[in-house]
Amino acid sequence: MKEYKLSPSGSVLKLVNGEYRMSIPPDETLPEYQEYLKWLSAGNEPDPADSEPVQVKYVPCKDIILRLDEIGKYEIVKSTMSEVQKDIFFSLKEGIDTQDVVVRELLVACGIDPDLILY
């Protein structure tokens, strides 16, 4: 299992704790994507994408913020995020993948049903 895996949707999946858990959109302004490109330039190759295309749905970050604010949880989630997570969250142009495991776990840790926010 390599550090990165290609996704049929065009994003790159990063290995986190033994699973491909972080979805990185192909956006050269993102530090995570720059890290991936550096890894590639060092001669590494990602695992290939699965043969079955996966439909990825992104929720715009502004919609997530509004939904969290509506239920009074925005400040709680924001205070739980590391500075790196905040930088990533607020820089994503496509939004958040509705199946992003890291984001779903963060919401659950804050007592929020991810399906109420990531739709």
PDB file of N, CA and C in Angstrom:
ATOM      1  N   MET A   1       0.852  -1.173   0.000  1.00  0.00           N
ATOM      2  CA  MET A   1       0.000   0.000   0.000  1.00  0.00           C
ATOM      3  C   MET A   1       0.897   1.236   0.000  1.00  0.00           C
ATOM      4  N   LYS A   2       0.712   2.083  -0.988  1.00  0.00           N
ATOM      5  CA  LYS A   2       1.538   3.279  -1.121  1.00  0.00           C
ATOM      6  C   LYS A   2       0.909   4.446  -0.380  1.00  0.00           C
ATOM      7  N   GLU A   3       1.690   5.514  -0.211  1.00  0.00           N
ATOM      8  CA  GLU A   3       1.214   6.676   0.544  1.00  0.00           C
ATOM      9  C   GLU A   3       0.023   7.372  -0.122  1.00  0.00           C
ATOM     10  N   TYR A   4      -0.059   7.272  -1.466  1.00  0.00           N
ATOM     11  CA  TYR A   4      -1.142   7.910  -2.202  1.00  0.00           C
ATOM     12  C   TYR A   4      -1.784   6.922  -3.171  1.00  0.00           C
ATOM     13  N   LYS A   5      -3.028   7.190  -3.485  1.00  0.00           N
ATOM     14  CA  LYS A   5      -3.771   6.382  -4.446  1.00  0.00           C
ATOM     15  C   LYS A   5      -4.597   7.324  -5.316  1.00  0.00           C
ATOM     16  N   LEU A   6      -4.645   7.028  -6.600  1.00  0.00           N
ATOM     17  CA  LEU A   6      -5.470   7.834  -7.491  1.00  0.00           C
ATOM     18  C   LEU A   6      -6.934   7.472  -7.283  1.00  0.00           C
ATOM     19  N   SER A   7      -7.795   8.436  -7.505  1.00  0.00           N
ATOM     20  CA  SER A   7      -9.231   8.228  -7.388  1.00  0.00           C
ATOM     21  C   SER A   7      -9.847   8.347  -8.771  1.00  0.00           C
ATOM     22  N   PRO A   8     -10.848   7.534  -9.090  1.00  0.00           N
ATOM     23  CA  PRO A   8     -11.506   7.654 -10.393  1.00  0.00           C
ATOM     24  C   PRO A   8     -12.095   9.043 -10.630  1.00  0.00           C
ATOM     25  N   SER A   9     -12.375   9.775  -9.565  1.00  0.00           N
ATOM     26  CA  SER A   9     -12.977  11.109  -9.692  1.00  0.00           C
ATOM     27  C   SER A   9     -11.960  12.172 -10.079  1.00  0.00           C
ATOM     28  N   GLY A  10     -10.664  11.823 -10.030  1.00  0.00           N
ATOM     29  CA  GLY A  10      -9.625  12.786 -10.365  1.00  0.00           C
ATOM     30  C   GLY A  10      -8.886  13.322  -9.162  1.00  0.00           C
ATOM     31  N   SER A  11      -9.416  13.082  -7.969  1.00  0.00           N
ATOM     32  CA  SER A  11      -8.696  13.514  -6.773  1.00  0.00           C
ATOM     33  C   SER A  11      -7.659  12.453  -6.400  1.00  0.00           C
ATOM     34  N   VAL A  12      -6.844  12.770  -5.405  1.00  0.00           N
ATOM     35  CA  VAL A  12      -5.816  11.869  -4.917  1.00  0.00           C
ATOM     36  C   VAL A  12      -6.180  11.502  -3.486  1.00  0.00           C
ATOM     37  N   LEU A  13      -6.067  10.234  -3.159  1.00  0.00           N
ATOM     38  CA  LEU A  13      -6.364   9.774  -1.803  1.00  0.00           C
ATOM     39  C   LEU A  13      -5.057   9.581  -1.050  1.00  0.00           C
ATOM     40  N   LYS A  14      -5.002  10.084   0.182  1.00  0.00           N
ATOM     41  CA  LYS A  14      -3.796   9.954   0.996  1.00  0.00           C
ATOM     42  C   LYS A  14      -4.018   8.908   2.080  1.00  0.00           C
ATOM     43  N   LEU A  15      -2.993   8.107   2.293  1.00  0.00           N
ATOM     44  CA  LEU A  15      -3.029   7.070   3.310  1.00  0.00           C
ATOM     45  C   LEU A  15      -2.911   7.711   4.693  1.00  0.00           C
ATOM     46  N   VAL A  16      -3.888   7.443   5.555  1.00  0.00           N
ATOM     47  CA  VAL A  16      -3.892   7.954   6.927  1.00  0.00           C
ATOM     48  C   VAL A  16      -4.250   6.791   7.837  1.00  0.00           C
ATOM     49  N   ASN A  17      -3.372   6.471   8.761  1.00  0.00           N
ATOM     50  CA  ASN A  17      -3.598   5.363   9.704  1.00  0.00           C
ATOM     51  C   ASN A  17      -3.966   4.061   8.992  1.00  0.00           C
ATOM     52  N   GLY A  18      -3.259   3.771   7.897  1.00  0.00           N
ATOM     53  CA  GLY A  18      -3.450   2.500   7.207  1.00  0.00           C
ATOM     54  C   GLY A  18      -4.612   2.441   6.236  1.00  0.00           C
ATOM     55  N   GLU A  19      -5.324   3.557   6.025  1.00  0.00           N
ATOM     56  CA  GLU A  19      -6.452   3.585   5.089  1.00  0.00           C
ATOM     57  C   GLU A  19      -6.364   4.851   4.254  1.00  0.00           C
ATOM     58  N   TYR A  20      -6.876   4.764   3.023  1.00  0.00           N
ATOM     59  CA  TYR A  20      -6.942   5.951   2.180  1.00  0.00           C
ATOM     60  C   TYR A  20      -8.124   6.778   2.660  1.00  0.00           C
ATOM     61  N   ARG A  21      -7.813   7.790   3.490  1.00  0.00           N
ATOM     62  CA  ARG A  21      -8.869   8.510   4.189  1.00  0.00           C
ATOM     63  C   ARG A  21      -8.989   9.975   3.803  1.00  0.00           C
ATOM     64  N   MET A  22      -7.939  10.555   3.240  1.00  0.00           N
ATOM     65  CA  MET A  22      -7.996  11.982   2.919  1.00  0.00           C
ATOM     66  C   MET A  22      -8.078  12.164   1.413  1.00  0.00           C
ATOM     67  N   SER A  23      -9.108  12.836   0.964  1.00  0.00           N
ATOM     68  CA  SER A  23      -9.291  13.122  -0.456  1.00  0.00           C
ATOM     69  C   SER A  23      -8.714  14.500  -0.751  1.00  0.00           C
ATOM     70  N   ILE A  24      -7.778  14.558  -1.708  1.00  0.00           N
ATOM     71  CA  ILE A  24      -7.112  15.815  -2.050  1.00  0.00           C
ATOM     72  C   ILE A  24      -7.492  16.194  -3.477  1.00  0.00           C
ATOM     73  N   PRO A  25      -8.227  17.287  -3.654  1.00  0.00           N
ATOM     74  CA  PRO A  25      -8.579  17.726  -5.007  1.00  0.00           C
ATOM     75  C   PRO A  25      -7.322  18.147  -5.774  1.00  0.00           C
ATOM     76  N   PRO A  26      -7.330  17.993  -7.096  1.00  0.00           N
ATOM     77  CA  PRO A  26      -6.156  18.383  -7.896  1.00  0.00           C
ATOM     78  C   PRO A  26      -6.070  19.900  -8.057  1.00  0.00           C
ATOM     79  N   ASP A  27      -5.661  20.556  -7.006  1.00  0.00           N
ATOM     80  CA  ASP A  27      -5.569  22.012  -6.973  1.00  0.00           C
ATOM     81  C   ASP A  27      -4.176  22.378  -6.487  1.00  0.00           C
ATOM     82  N   GLU A  28      -3.360  22.920  -7.382  1.00  0.00           N
ATOM     83  CA  GLU A  28      -1.960  23.189  -7.062  1.00  0.00           C
ATOM     84  C   GLU A  28      -1.763  24.261  -5.991  1.00  0.00           C
ATOM     85  N   THR A  29      -2.823  24.955  -5.593  1.00  0.00           N
ATOM     86  CA  THR A  29      -2.697  25.948  -4.523  1.00  0.00           C
ATOM     87  C   THR A  29      -2.807  25.308  -3.142  1.00  0.00           C
ATOM     88  N   LEU A  30      -3.259  24.059  -3.088  1.00  0.00           N
ATOM     89  CA  LEU A  30      -3.403  23.361  -1.802  1.00  0.00           C
ATOM     90  C   LEU A  30      -2.068  22.787  -1.347  1.00  0.00           C
ATOM     91  N   PRO A  31      -1.688  23.035  -0.101  1.00  0.00           N
ATOM     92  CA  PRO A  31      -0.433  22.480   0.405  1.00  0.00           C
ATOM     93  C   PRO A  31      -0.379  20.948   0.313  1.00  0.00           C
ATOM     94  N   GLU A  32      -1.503  20.291   0.524  1.00  0.00           N
ATOM     95  CA  GLU A  32      -1.537  18.830   0.477  1.00  0.00           C
ATOM     96  C   GLU A  32      -1.278  18.321  -0.946  1.00  0.00           C
ATOM     97  N   TYR A  33      -1.814  19.040  -1.933  1.00  0.00           N
ATOM     98  CA  TYR A  33      -1.583  18.639  -3.327  1.00  0.00           C
ATOM     99  C   TYR A  33      -0.137  18.930  -3.724  1.00  0.00           C
ATOM    100  N   GLN A  34       0.421  20.035  -3.221  1.00  0.00           N
ATOM    101  CA  GLN A  34       1.830  20.340  -3.467  1.00  0.00           C
ATOM    102  C   GLN A  34       2.722  19.254  -2.863  1.00  0.00           C
ATOM    103  N   GLU A  35       2.355  18.779  -1.671  1.00  0.00           N
ATOM    104  CA  GLU A  35       3.096  17.690  -1.022  1.00  0.00           C
ATOM    105  C   GLU A  35       3.047  16.428  -1.886  1.00  0.00           C
ATOM    106  N   TYR A  36       1.876  16.158  -2.457  1.00  0.00           N
ATOM    107  CA  TYR A  36       1.722  15.007  -3.347  1.00  0.00           C
ATOM    108  C   TYR A  36       2.606  15.158  -4.583  1.00  0.00           C
ATOM    109  N   LEU A  37       2.615  16.349  -5.189  1.00  0.00           N
ATOM    110  CA  LEU A  37       3.444  16.577  -6.371  1.00  0.00           C
ATOM    111  C   LEU A  37       4.931  16.417  -6.052  1.00  0.00           C
ATOM    112  N   LYS A  38       5.334  16.859  -4.878  1.00  0.00           N
ATOM    113  CA  LYS A  38       6.722  16.694  -4.439  1.00  0.00           C
ATOM    114  C   LYS A  38       7.051  15.210  -4.290  1.00  0.00           C
ATOM    115  N   TRP A  39       6.125  14.466  -3.721  1.00  0.00           N
ATOM    116  CA  TRP A  39       6.281  13.020  -3.556  1.00  0.00           C
ATOM    117  C   TRP A  39       6.435  12.354  -4.919  1.00  0.00           C
ATOM    118  N   LEU A  40       5.625  12.786  -5.899  1.00  0.00           N
ATOM    119  CA  LEU A  40       5.725  12.257  -7.262  1.00  0.00           C
ATOM    120  C   LEU A  40       7.076  12.583  -7.888  1.00  0.00           C
ATOM    121  N   SER A  41       7.520  13.822  -7.704  1.00  0.00           N
ATOM    122  CA  SER A  41       8.782  14.253  -8.324  1.00  0.00           C
ATOM    123  C   SER A  41       9.981  13.518  -7.738  1.00  0.00           C
ATOM    124  N   ALA A  42       9.809  12.925  -6.563  1.00  0.00           N
ATOM    125  CA  ALA A  42      10.880  12.135  -5.953  1.00  0.00           C
ATOM    126  C   ALA A  42      10.939  10.728  -6.545  1.00  0.00           C
ATOM    127  N   GLY A  43      10.110  10.470  -7.583  1.00  0.00           N
ATOM    128  CA  GLY A  43      10.145   9.178  -8.259  1.00  0.00           C
ATOM    129  C   GLY A  43       9.123   8.174  -7.766  1.00  0.00           C
ATOM    130  N   ASN A  44       8.235   8.598  -6.899  1.00  0.00           N
ATOM    131  CA  ASN A  44       7.210   7.702  -6.377  1.00  0.00           C
ATOM    132  C   ASN A  44       6.027   7.607  -7.341  1.00  0.00           C
ATOM    133  N   GLU A  45       5.281   6.526  -7.238  1.00  0.00           N
ATOM    134  CA  GLU A  45       4.067   6.342  -8.035  1.00  0.00           C
ATOM    135  C   GLU A  45       2.920   5.975  -7.113  1.00  0.00           C
ATOM    136  N   PRO A  46       1.742   6.588  -7.310  1.00  0.00           N
ATOM    137  CA  PRO A  46       0.587   6.251  -6.473  1.00  0.00           C
ATOM    138  C   PRO A  46      -0.013   4.913  -6.885  1.00  0.00           C
ATOM    139  N   ASP A  47      -0.761   4.319  -5.990  1.00  0.00           N
ATOM    140  CA  ASP A  47      -1.542   3.139  -6.361  1.00  0.00           C
ATOM    141  C   ASP A  47      -2.574   3.578  -7.390  1.00  0.00           C
ATOM    142  N   PRO A  48      -2.912   2.703  -8.331  1.00  0.00           N
ATOM    143  CA  PRO A  48      -3.896   3.082  -9.348  1.00  0.00           C
ATOM    144  C   PRO A  48      -5.296   3.209  -8.754  1.00  0.00           C
ATOM    145  N   ALA A  49      -6.134   3.917  -9.478  1.00  0.00           N
ATOM    146  CA  ALA A  49      -7.531   4.073  -9.070  1.00  0.00           C
ATOM    147  C   ALA A  49      -8.255   2.741  -9.204  1.00  0.00           C
ATOM    148  N   ASP A  50      -9.281   2.562  -8.411  1.00  0.00           N
ATOM    149  CA  ASP A  50     -10.131   1.385  -8.550  1.00  0.00           C
ATOM    150  C   ASP A  50     -10.804   1.443  -9.919  1.00  0.00           C
ATOM    151  N   SER A  51     -11.105   0.287 -10.467  1.00  0.00           N
ATOM    152  CA  SER A  51     -11.672   0.246 -11.812  1.00  0.00           C
ATOM    153  C   SER A  51     -13.102   0.785 -11.860  1.00  0.00           C
ATOM    154  N   GLU A  52     -13.829   0.632 -10.796  1.00  0.00           N
ATOM    155  CA  GLU A  52     -15.210   1.133 -10.753  1.00  0.00           C
ATOM    156  C   GLU A  52     -15.196   2.624 -10.449  1.00  0.00           C
ATOM    157  N   PRO A  53     -15.719   3.450 -11.336  1.00  0.00           N
ATOM    158  CA  PRO A  53     -15.763   4.877 -11.039  1.00  0.00           C
ATOM    159  C   PRO A  53     -16.677   5.151  -9.842  1.00  0.00           C
ATOM    160  N   VAL A  54     -16.208   6.006  -8.997  1.00  0.00           N
ATOM    161  CA  VAL A  54     -16.959   6.392  -7.807  1.00  0.00           C
ATOM    162  C   VAL A  54     -17.452   7.821  -8.015  1.00  0.00           C
ATOM    163  N   GLN A  55     -18.728   8.024  -7.830  1.00  0.00           N
ATOM    164  CA  GLN A  55     -19.290   9.364  -7.968  1.00  0.00           C
ATOM    165  C   GLN A  55     -19.005  10.131  -6.681  1.00  0.00           C
ATOM    166  N   VAL A  56     -18.215  11.165  -6.791  1.00  0.00           N
ATOM    167  CA  VAL A  56     -17.871  11.971  -5.628  1.00  0.00           C
ATOM    168  C   VAL A  56     -18.751  13.211  -5.628  1.00  0.00           C
ATOM    169  N   LYS A  57     -19.361  13.453  -4.484  1.00  0.00           N
ATOM    170  CA  LYS A  57     -20.184  14.643  -4.334  1.00  0.00           C
ATOM    171  C   LYS A  57     -19.495  15.560  -3.332  1.00  0.00           C
ATOM    172  N   TYR A  58     -19.334  16.810  -3.731  1.00  0.00           N
ATOM    173  CA  TYR A  58     -18.706  17.797  -2.861  1.00  0.00           C
ATOM    174  C   TYR A  58     -19.766  18.758  -2.341  1.00  0.00           C
ATOM    175  N   VAL A  59     -19.616  19.131  -1.070  1.00  0.00           N
ATOM    176  CA  VAL A  59     -20.485  20.133  -0.467  1.00  0.00           C
ATOM    177  C   VAL A  59     -19.636  21.392  -0.288  1.00  0.00           C
ATOM    178  N   PRO A  60     -20.076  22.523  -0.836  1.00  0.00           N
ATOM    179  CA  PRO A  60     -19.306  23.763  -0.669  1.00  0.00           C
ATOM    180  C   PRO A  60     -19.086  24.071   0.817  1.00  0.00           C
ATOM    181  N   CYS A  61     -17.893  24.525   1.133  1.00  0.00           N
ATOM    182  CA  CYS A  61     -17.549  24.825   2.525  1.00  0.00           C
ATOM    183  C   CYS A  61     -18.505  25.836   3.149  1.00  0.00           C
ATOM    184  N   LYS A  62     -18.929  26.829   2.360  1.00  0.00           N
ATOM    185  CA  LYS A  62     -19.860  27.841   2.905  1.00  0.00           C
ATOM    186  C   LYS A  62     -21.173  27.195   3.329  1.00  0.00           C
ATOM    187  N   ASP A  63     -21.617  26.163   2.582  1.00  0.00           N
ATOM    188  CA  ASP A  63     -22.846  25.460   2.964  1.00  0.00           C
ATOM    189  C   ASP A  63     -22.657  24.692   4.266  1.00  0.00           C
ATOM    190  N   ILE A  64     -21.486  24.098   4.425  1.00  0.00           N
ATOM    191  CA  ILE A  64     -21.191  23.365   5.663  1.00  0.00           C
ATOM    192  C   ILE A  64     -21.200  24.333   6.841  1.00  0.00           C
ATOM    193  N   ILE A  65     -20.571  25.479   6.665  1.00  0.00           N
ATOM    194  CA  ILE A  65     -20.530  26.481   7.735  1.00  0.00           C
ATOM    195  C   ILE A  65     -21.942  26.921   8.105  1.00  0.00           C
ATOM    196  N   LEU A  66     -22.775  27.209   7.104  1.00  0.00           N
ATOM    197  CA  LEU A  66     -24.159  27.627   7.369  1.00  0.00           C
ATOM    198  C   LEU A  66     -24.944  26.545   8.103  1.00  0.00           C
ATOM    199  N   ARG A  67     -24.780  25.296   7.680  1.00  0.00           N
ATOM    200  CA  ARG A  67     -25.506  24.191   8.316  1.00  0.00           C
ATOM    201  C   ARG A  67     -25.059  23.996   9.763  1.00  0.00           C
ATOM    202  N   LEU A  68     -23.743  24.103   9.995  1.00  0.00           N
ATOM    203  CA  LEU A  68     -23.237  23.978  11.367  1.00  0.00           C
ATOM    204  C   LEU A  68     -23.724  25.141  12.225  1.00  0.00           C
ATOM    205  N   ASP A  69     -23.739  26.325  11.649  1.00  0.00           N
ATOM    206  CA  ASP A  69     -24.195  27.506  12.374  1.00  0.00           C
ATOM    207  C   ASP A  69     -25.676  27.392  12.725  1.00  0.00           C
ATOM    208  N   GLU A  70     -26.481  26.856  11.793  1.00  0.00           N
ATOM    209  CA  GLU A  70     -27.921  26.692  12.033  1.00  0.00           C
ATOM    210  C   GLU A  70     -28.213  25.806  13.238  1.00  0.00           C
ATOM    211  N   ILE A  71     -27.350  24.827  13.479  1.00  0.00           N
ATOM    212  CA  ILE A  71     -27.575  23.930  14.621  1.00  0.00           C
ATOM    213  C   ILE A  71     -26.710  24.324  15.830  1.00  0.00           C
ATOM    214  N   GLY A  72     -26.060  25.492  15.729  1.00  0.00           N
ATOM    215  CA  GLY A  72     -25.276  26.008  16.856  1.00  0.00           C
ATOM    216  C   GLY A  72     -23.992  25.256  17.121  1.00  0.00           C
ATOM    217  N   LYS A  73     -23.415  24.632  16.104  1.00  0.00           N
ATOM    218  CA  LYS A  73     -22.214  23.807  16.312  1.00  0.00           C
ATOM    219  C   LYS A  73     -20.982  24.315  15.578  1.00  0.00           C
ATOM    220  N   TYR A  74     -21.101  25.407  14.830  1.00  0.00           N
ATOM    221  CA  TYR A  74     -19.959  25.873  14.037  1.00  0.00           C
ATOM    222  C   TYR A  74     -18.741  26.172  14.905  1.00  0.00           C
ATOM    223  N   GLU A  75     -18.922  26.941  15.970  1.00  0.00           N
ATOM    224  CA  GLU A  75     -17.786  27.315  16.828  1.00  0.00           C
ATOM    225  C   GLU A  75     -17.166  26.099  17.507  1.00  0.00           C
ATOM    226  N   ILE A  76     -17.991  25.113  17.859  1.00  0.00           N
ATOM    227  CA  ILE A  76     -17.475  23.886  18.488  1.00  0.00           C
ATOM    228  C   ILE A  76     -16.579  23.137  17.504  1.00  0.00           C
ATOM    229  N   VAL A  77     -17.072  22.963  16.282  1.00  0.00           N
ATOM    230  CA  VAL A  77     -16.285  22.245  15.268  1.00  0.00           C
ATOM    231  C   VAL A  77     -15.009  23.022  14.959  1.00  0.00           C
ATOM    232  N   LYS A  78     -15.127  24.321  14.791  1.00  0.00           N
ATOM    233  CA  LYS A  78     -13.966  25.150  14.471  1.00  0.00           C
ATOM    234  C   LYS A  78     -12.912  25.059  15.569  1.00  0.00           C
ATOM    235  N   SER A  79     -13.339  25.067  16.824  1.00  0.00           N
ATOM    236  CA  SER A  79     -12.377  25.003  17.935  1.00  0.00           C
ATOM    237  C   SER A  79     -11.724  23.629  18.048  1.00  0.00           C
ATOM    238  N   THR A  80     -12.354  22.611  17.500  1.00  0.00           N
ATOM    239  CA  THR A  80     -11.821  21.251  17.541  1.00  0.00           C
ATOM    240  C   THR A  80     -10.771  21.029  16.455  1.00  0.00           C
ATOM    241  N   MET A  81     -10.842  21.812  15.377  1.00  0.00           N
ATOM    242  CA  MET A  81      -9.938  21.642  14.242  1.00  0.00           C
ATOM    243  C   MET A  81      -8.551  22.204  14.534  1.00  0.00           C
ATOM    244  N   SER A  82      -7.528  21.530  14.023  1.00  0.00           N
ATOM    245  CA  SER A  82      -6.168  22.063  14.125  1.00  0.00           C
ATOM    246  C   SER A  82      -6.029  23.217  13.140  1.00  0.00           C
ATOM    247  N   GLU A  83      -4.972  23.988  13.271  1.00  0.00           N
ATOM    248  CA  GLU A  83      -4.749  25.101  12.347  1.00  0.00           C
ATOM    249  C   GLU A  83      -4.583  24.595  10.921  1.00  0.00           C
ATOM    250  N   VAL A  84      -3.928  23.454  10.761  1.00  0.00           N
ATOM    251  CA  VAL A  84      -3.750  22.865   9.430  1.00  0.00           C
ATOM    252  C   VAL A  84      -5.108  22.481   8.846  1.00  0.00           C
ATOM    253  N   GLN A  85      -5.967  21.856   9.659  1.00  0.00           N
ATOM    254  CA  GLN A  85      -7.296  21.485   9.181  1.00  0.00           C
ATOM    255  C   GLN A  85      -8.100  22.716   8.780  1.00  0.00           C
ATOM    256  N   LYS A  86      -7.994  23.788   9.560  1.00  0.00           N
ATOM    257  CA  LYS A  86      -8.711  25.027   9.225  1.00  0.00           C
ATOM    258  C   LYS A  86      -8.210  25.589   7.896  1.00  0.00           C
ATOM    259  N   ASP A  87      -6.880  25.608   7.721  1.00  0.00           N
ATOM    260  CA  ASP A  87      -6.311  26.114   6.473  1.00  0.00           C
ATOM    261  C   ASP A  87      -6.813  25.314   5.281  1.00  0.00           C
ATOM    262  N   ILE A  88      -6.845  23.996   5.432  1.00  0.00           N
ATOM    263  CA  ILE A  88      -7.320  23.132   4.345  1.00  0.00           C
ATOM    264  C   ILE A  88      -8.794  23.422   4.076  1.00  0.00           C
ATOM    265  N   PHE A  89      -9.592  23.412   5.124  1.00  0.00           N
ATOM    266  CA  PHE A  89     -11.038  23.594   4.991  1.00  0.00           C
ATOM    267  C   PHE A  89     -11.381  24.892   4.271  1.00  0.00           C
ATOM    268  N   PHE A  90     -10.759  25.978   4.697  1.00  0.00           N
ATOM    269  CA  PHE A  90     -11.116  27.279   4.142  1.00  0.00           C
ATOM    270  C   PHE A  90     -10.481  27.544   2.776  1.00  0.00           C
ATOM    271  N   SER A  91      -9.587  26.658   2.313  1.00  0.00           N
ATOM    272  CA  SER A  91      -8.955  26.868   1.003  1.00  0.00           C
ATOM    273  C   SER A  91      -9.535  25.966  -0.086  1.00  0.00           C
ATOM    274  N   LEU A  92     -10.367  25.011   0.288  1.00  0.00           N
ATOM    275  CA  LEU A  92     -10.902  24.081  -0.709  1.00  0.00           C
ATOM    276  C   LEU A  92     -11.910  24.769  -1.623  1.00  0.00           C
ATOM    277  N   LYS A  93     -11.628  24.738  -2.903  1.00  0.00           N
ATOM    278  CA  LYS A  93     -12.511  25.387  -3.871  1.00  0.00           C
ATOM    279  C   LYS A  93     -13.704  24.504  -4.202  1.00  0.00           C
ATOM    280  N   GLU A  94     -13.483  23.195  -4.302  1.00  0.00           N
ATOM    281  CA  GLU A  94     -14.576  22.287  -4.661  1.00  0.00           C
ATOM    282  C   GLU A  94     -15.490  21.989  -3.492  1.00  0.00           C
ATOM    283  N   GLY A  95     -14.990  22.117  -2.290  1.00  0.00           N
ATOM    284  CA  GLY A  95     -15.765  21.780  -1.117  1.00  0.00           C
ATOM    285  C   GLY A  95     -15.259  20.496  -0.481  1.00  0.00           C
ATOM    286  N   ILE A  96     -16.086  19.898   0.348  1.00  0.00           N
ATOM    287  CA  ILE A  96     -15.727  18.692   1.082  1.00  0.00           C
ATOM    288  C   ILE A  96     -16.440  17.494   0.469  1.00  0.00           C
ATOM    289  N   ASP A  97     -15.697  16.438   0.245  1.00  0.00           N
ATOM    290  CA  ASP A  97     -16.252  15.169  -0.231  1.00  0.00           C
ATOM    291  C   ASP A  97     -17.216  14.655   0.838  1.00  0.00           C
ATOM    292  N   THR A  98     -18.439  14.334   0.456  1.00  0.00           N
ATOM    293  CA  THR A  98     -19.446  13.892   1.436  1.00  0.00           C
ATOM    294  C   THR A  98     -19.047  12.600   2.148  1.00  0.00           C
ATOM    295  N   GLN A  99     -18.091  11.855   1.583  1.00  0.00           N
ATOM    296  CA  GLN A  99     -17.659  10.607   2.206  1.00  0.00           C
ATOM    297  C   GLN A  99     -16.272  10.718   2.834  1.00  0.00           C
ATOM    298  N   ASP A 100     -15.740  11.922   2.973  1.00  0.00           N
ATOM    299  CA  ASP A 100     -14.409  12.121   3.557  1.00  0.00           C
ATOM    300  C   ASP A 100     -14.428  11.607   5.000  1.00  0.00           C
ATOM    301  N   VAL A 101     -13.682  10.553   5.240  1.00  0.00           N
ATOM    302  CA  VAL A 101     -13.712   9.877   6.538  1.00  0.00           C
ATOM    303  C   VAL A 101     -13.215  10.785   7.656  1.00  0.00           C
ATOM    304  N   VAL A 102     -12.180  11.562   7.405  1.00  0.00           N
ATOM    305  CA  VAL A 102     -11.630  12.432   8.441  1.00  0.00           C
ATOM    306  C   VAL A 102     -12.665  13.471   8.867  1.00  0.00           C
ATOM    307  N   VAL A 103     -13.341  14.079   7.906  1.00  0.00           N
ATOM    308  CA  VAL A 103     -14.362  15.086   8.225  1.00  0.00           C
ATOM    309  C   VAL A 103     -15.538  14.440   8.951  1.00  0.00           C
ATOM    310  N   ARG A 104     -15.946  13.274   8.486  1.00  0.00           N
ATOM    311  CA  ARG A 104     -17.070  12.581   9.129  1.00  0.00           C
ATOM    312  C   ARG A 104     -16.723  12.246  10.588  1.00  0.00           C
ATOM    313  N   GLU A 105     -15.490  11.784  10.827  1.00  0.00           N
ATOM    314  CA  GLU A 105     -15.068  11.458  12.199  1.00  0.00           C
ATOM    315  C   GLU A 105     -15.012  12.704  13.071  1.00  0.00           C
ATOM    316  N   LEU A 106     -14.569  13.821  12.505  1.00  0.00           N
ATOM    317  CA  LEU A 106     -14.531  15.080  13.255  1.00  0.00           C
ATOM    318  C   LEU A 106     -15.936  15.490  13.677  1.00  0.00           C
ATOM    319  N   LEU A 107     -16.887  15.395  12.752  1.00  0.00           N
ATOM    320  CA  LEU A 107     -18.268  15.753  13.085  1.00  0.00           C
ATOM    321  C   LEU A 107     -18.831  14.844  14.176  1.00  0.00           C
ATOM    322  N   VAL A 108     -18.583  13.550  14.051  1.00  0.00           N
ATOM    323  CA  VAL A 108     -19.063  12.600  15.068  1.00  0.00           C
ATOM    324  C   VAL A 108     -18.439  12.928  16.424  1.00  0.00           C
ATOM    325  N   ALA A 109     -17.147  13.257  16.437  1.00  0.00           N
ATOM    326  CA  ALA A 109     -16.463  13.596  17.694  1.00  0.00           C
ATOM    327  C   ALA A 109     -17.076  14.836  18.340  1.00  0.00           C
ATOM    328  N   CYS A 110     -17.698  15.689  17.520  1.00  0.00           N
ATOM    329  CA  CYS A 110     -18.360  16.899  18.036  1.00  0.00           C
ATOM    330  C   CYS A 110     -19.839  16.654  18.322  1.00  0.00           C
ATOM    331  N   GLY A 111     -20.274  15.393  18.238  1.00  0.00           N
ATOM    332  CA  GLY A 111     -21.659  15.055  18.538  1.00  0.00           C
ATOM    333  C   GLY A 111     -22.633  15.391  17.423  1.00  0.00           C
ATOM    334  N   ILE A 112     -22.150  15.394  16.177  1.00  0.00           N
ATOM    335  CA  ILE A 112     -22.979  15.775  15.034  1.00  0.00           C
ATOM    336  C   ILE A 112     -23.105  14.596  14.077  1.00  0.00           C
ATOM    337  N   ASP A 113     -24.313  14.333  13.638  1.00  0.00           N
ATOM    338  CA  ASP A 113     -24.533  13.314  12.613  1.00  0.00           C
ATOM    339  C   ASP A 113     -24.022  13.874  11.286  1.00  0.00           C
ATOM    340  N   PRO A 114     -22.973  13.276  10.696  1.00  0.00           N
ATOM    341  CA  PRO A 114     -22.405  13.818   9.454  1.00  0.00           C
ATOM    342  C   PRO A 114     -23.422  13.938   8.312  1.00  0.00           C
ATOM    343  N   ASP A 115     -24.409  13.047   8.282  1.00  0.00           N
ATOM    344  CA  ASP A 115     -25.395  13.091   7.212  1.00  0.00           C
ATOM    345  C   ASP A 115     -26.296  14.322   7.296  1.00  0.00           C
ATOM    346  N   LEU A 116     -26.352  14.969   8.454  1.00  0.00           N
ATOM    347  CA  LEU A 116     -27.132  16.199   8.591  1.00  0.00           C
ATOM    348  C   LEU A 116     -26.401  17.398   7.991  1.00  0.00           C
ATOM    349  N   ILE A 117     -25.094  17.254   7.793  1.00  0.00           N
ATOM    350  CA  ILE A 117     -24.259  18.362   7.318  1.00  0.00           C
ATOM    351  C   ILE A 117     -23.747  18.115   5.902  1.00  0.00           C
ATOM    352  N   LEU A 118     -23.361  16.885   5.620  1.00  0.00           N
ATOM    353  CA  LEU A 118     -22.721  16.552   4.333  1.00  0.00           C
ATOM    354  C   LEU A 118     -23.729  15.941   3.364  1.00  0.00           C
ATOM    355  N   TYR A 119     -24.614  16.749   2.859  1.00  0.00           N
ATOM    356  CA  TYR A 119     -25.585  16.265   1.885  1.00  0.00           C
ATOM    357  C   TYR A 119     -25.608  17.161   0.669  1.00  0.00           C
TER     358      TYR A 119
END
